[in-house]
Amino acid sequence: MNTIFQFPPILENERIKLKPLELKHIDDLLEIALLPELWTVGVRNITSKDDLTKYISTAIT
């Protein structure tokens, strides 16, 4: 069967590539996720890799 749809969906052009969040992205996100100013508005406070792993695991399940 020939289909134009891809799973998981990935949207991209010459400037950007968007794909679904996965646990394998944690190391790439960690430096930014540990910035305290990122968490001043929400109810979460990410201060470690373990915190980020739990946060992403909850988000994707």
N, C-alpha and C. Protein backbone atom coordinates (compact mmCIF):
# COMPACT_ATOMS: atom_id res chain seq x y z
N MET A 1 0.83 -1.18 0.00
CA MET A 1 0.00 0.00 0.00
C MET A 1 0.88 1.24 0.00
N ASN A 2 0.67 2.12 -0.93
CA ASN A 2 1.44 3.34 -1.04
C ASN A 2 0.69 4.47 -0.34
N THR A 3 1.36 5.17 0.58
CA THR A 3 0.69 6.22 1.34
C THR A 3 1.59 7.45 1.43
N ILE A 4 0.98 8.60 1.55
CA ILE A 4 1.75 9.85 1.70
C ILE A 4 1.94 10.21 3.16
N PHE A 5 1.31 9.45 4.07
CA PHE A 5 1.40 9.74 5.48
C PHE A 5 2.54 8.97 6.13
N GLN A 6 3.17 9.61 7.07
CA GLN A 6 4.29 9.01 7.78
C GLN A 6 3.95 8.97 9.26
N PHE A 7 4.33 7.90 9.93
CA PHE A 7 4.13 7.83 11.36
C PHE A 7 5.43 7.45 12.02
N PRO A 8 5.89 8.17 13.00
CA PRO A 8 5.29 9.40 13.50
C PRO A 8 5.44 10.54 12.51
N PRO A 9 4.53 11.50 12.56
CA PRO A 9 4.60 12.60 11.60
C PRO A 9 5.82 13.49 11.85
N ILE A 10 6.48 13.89 10.80
CA ILE A 10 7.61 14.81 10.86
C ILE A 10 7.34 15.92 9.87
N LEU A 11 7.37 17.15 10.36
CA LEU A 11 7.16 18.32 9.51
C LEU A 11 8.49 19.01 9.33
N GLU A 12 8.86 19.28 8.09
CA GLU A 12 10.14 19.95 7.88
C GLU A 12 10.15 20.75 6.59
N ASN A 13 11.04 21.72 6.58
CA ASN A 13 11.36 22.47 5.37
C ASN A 13 12.85 22.77 5.42
N GLU A 14 13.31 23.73 4.63
CA GLU A 14 14.75 24.00 4.58
C GLU A 14 15.29 24.65 5.85
N ARG A 15 14.39 25.15 6.73
CA ARG A 15 14.85 25.86 7.93
C ARG A 15 14.62 25.11 9.24
N ILE A 16 13.66 24.22 9.27
CA ILE A 16 13.30 23.59 10.55
C ILE A 16 12.77 22.18 10.34
N LYS A 17 12.90 21.38 11.39
CA LYS A 17 12.35 20.02 11.38
C LYS A 17 11.64 19.80 12.72
N LEU A 18 10.35 19.51 12.66
CA LEU A 18 9.56 19.25 13.86
C LEU A 18 9.17 17.78 13.89
N LYS A 19 9.47 17.14 15.01
CA LYS A 19 9.08 15.74 15.16
C LYS A 19 8.62 15.52 16.59
N PRO A 20 7.84 14.48 16.83
CA PRO A 20 7.30 14.23 18.16
C PRO A 20 8.39 14.04 19.21
N LEU A 21 8.11 14.54 20.39
CA LEU A 21 9.03 14.43 21.52
C LEU A 21 9.18 12.98 21.94
N GLU A 22 10.43 12.58 22.19
CA GLU A 22 10.73 11.22 22.66
C GLU A 22 11.76 11.32 23.78
N LEU A 23 11.85 10.26 24.57
CA LEU A 23 12.82 10.26 25.67
C LEU A 23 14.26 10.41 25.18
N LYS A 24 14.54 10.01 23.97
CA LYS A 24 15.91 10.13 23.44
C LYS A 24 16.32 11.59 23.25
N HIS A 25 15.38 12.53 23.34
CA HIS A 25 15.69 13.95 23.17
C HIS A 25 16.13 14.63 24.47
N ILE A 26 16.10 13.91 25.58
CA ILE A 26 16.38 14.51 26.88
C ILE A 26 17.76 15.18 26.93
N ASP A 27 18.78 14.51 26.47
CA ASP A 27 20.13 15.09 26.53
C ASP A 27 20.22 16.38 25.71
N ASP A 28 19.51 16.44 24.59
CA ASP A 28 19.52 17.64 23.77
C ASP A 28 18.78 18.80 24.43
N LEU A 29 17.78 18.50 25.24
CA LEU A 29 16.95 19.52 25.88
C LEU A 29 17.45 19.94 27.26
N LEU A 30 18.30 19.15 27.86
CA LEU A 30 18.67 19.34 29.26
C LEU A 30 19.25 20.71 29.57
N GLU A 31 20.17 21.21 28.78
CA GLU A 31 20.81 22.50 29.07
C GLU A 31 19.77 23.62 29.17
N ILE A 32 18.85 23.66 28.23
CA ILE A 32 17.80 24.68 28.25
C ILE A 32 16.79 24.41 29.36
N ALA A 33 16.43 23.15 29.56
CA ALA A 33 15.43 22.81 30.56
C ALA A 33 15.87 23.14 31.98
N LEU A 34 17.16 23.23 32.21
CA LEU A 34 17.66 23.53 33.56
C LEU A 34 17.73 25.03 33.86
N LEU A 35 17.35 25.87 32.91
CA LEU A 35 17.34 27.31 33.17
C LEU A 35 16.18 27.64 34.12
N PRO A 36 16.46 28.19 35.29
CA PRO A 36 15.39 28.44 36.28
C PRO A 36 14.30 29.38 35.77
N GLU A 37 14.66 30.35 34.94
CA GLU A 37 13.66 31.31 34.45
C GLU A 37 12.60 30.65 33.56
N LEU A 38 12.91 29.49 33.03
CA LEU A 38 11.94 28.77 32.21
C LEU A 38 10.76 28.26 33.04
N TRP A 39 10.98 28.02 34.31
CA TRP A 39 9.98 27.38 35.15
C TRP A 39 9.33 28.35 36.15
N THR A 40 9.51 29.64 35.99
CA THR A 40 8.93 30.60 36.93
C THR A 40 7.42 30.74 36.79
N VAL A 41 6.86 30.39 35.66
CA VAL A 41 5.43 30.57 35.41
C VAL A 41 4.62 29.32 35.72
N GLY A 42 5.19 28.17 35.55
CA GLY A 42 4.45 26.92 35.71
C GLY A 42 4.48 26.36 37.12
N VAL A 43 3.91 25.18 37.25
CA VAL A 43 3.86 24.53 38.56
C VAL A 43 5.01 23.54 38.75
N ARG A 44 5.74 23.28 37.71
CA ARG A 44 6.88 22.35 37.77
C ARG A 44 8.17 23.12 38.01
N ASN A 45 9.15 22.43 38.56
CA ASN A 45 10.48 23.00 38.72
C ASN A 45 11.47 21.90 38.34
N ILE A 46 12.06 22.02 37.17
CA ILE A 46 13.01 21.03 36.66
C ILE A 46 14.42 21.44 37.10
N THR A 47 15.03 20.62 37.94
CA THR A 47 16.38 20.94 38.45
C THR A 47 17.40 19.85 38.17
N SER A 48 16.98 18.77 37.49
CA SER A 48 17.91 17.67 37.21
C SER A 48 17.46 16.90 35.98
N LYS A 49 18.34 16.05 35.50
CA LYS A 49 18.00 15.20 34.36
C LYS A 49 16.86 14.25 34.74
N ASP A 50 16.87 13.78 35.97
CA ASP A 50 15.80 12.88 36.43
C ASP A 50 14.44 13.61 36.41
N ASP A 51 14.42 14.87 36.86
CA ASP A 51 13.18 15.67 36.81
C ASP A 51 12.69 15.81 35.38
N LEU A 52 13.59 16.09 34.46
CA LEU A 52 13.21 16.26 33.05
C LEU A 52 12.70 14.94 32.47
N THR A 53 13.34 13.85 32.81
CA THR A 53 12.90 12.53 32.33
C THR A 53 11.48 12.23 32.80
N LYS A 54 11.20 12.49 34.05
CA LYS A 54 9.85 12.26 34.59
C LYS A 54 8.84 13.18 33.90
N TYR A 55 9.20 14.44 33.71
CA TYR A 55 8.32 15.41 33.07
C TYR A 55 7.96 14.99 31.64
N ILE A 56 8.98 14.60 30.88
CA ILE A 56 8.74 14.19 29.48
C ILE A 56 7.99 12.86 29.43
N SER A 57 8.33 11.94 30.30
CA SER A 57 7.62 10.64 30.34
C SER A 57 6.14 10.85 30.58
N THR A 58 5.81 11.74 31.49
CA THR A 58 4.39 12.04 31.77
C THR A 58 3.74 12.70 30.56
N ALA A 59 4.44 13.59 29.91
CA ALA A 59 3.89 14.32 28.79
C ALA A 59 3.59 13.43 27.57
N ILE A 60 4.40 12.43 27.36
CA ILE A 60 4.24 11.62 26.15
C ILE A 60 3.41 10.36 26.35
N THR A 61 2.98 10.11 27.58
CA THR A 61 2.14 8.93 27.79
C THR A 61 0.68 9.28 27.86
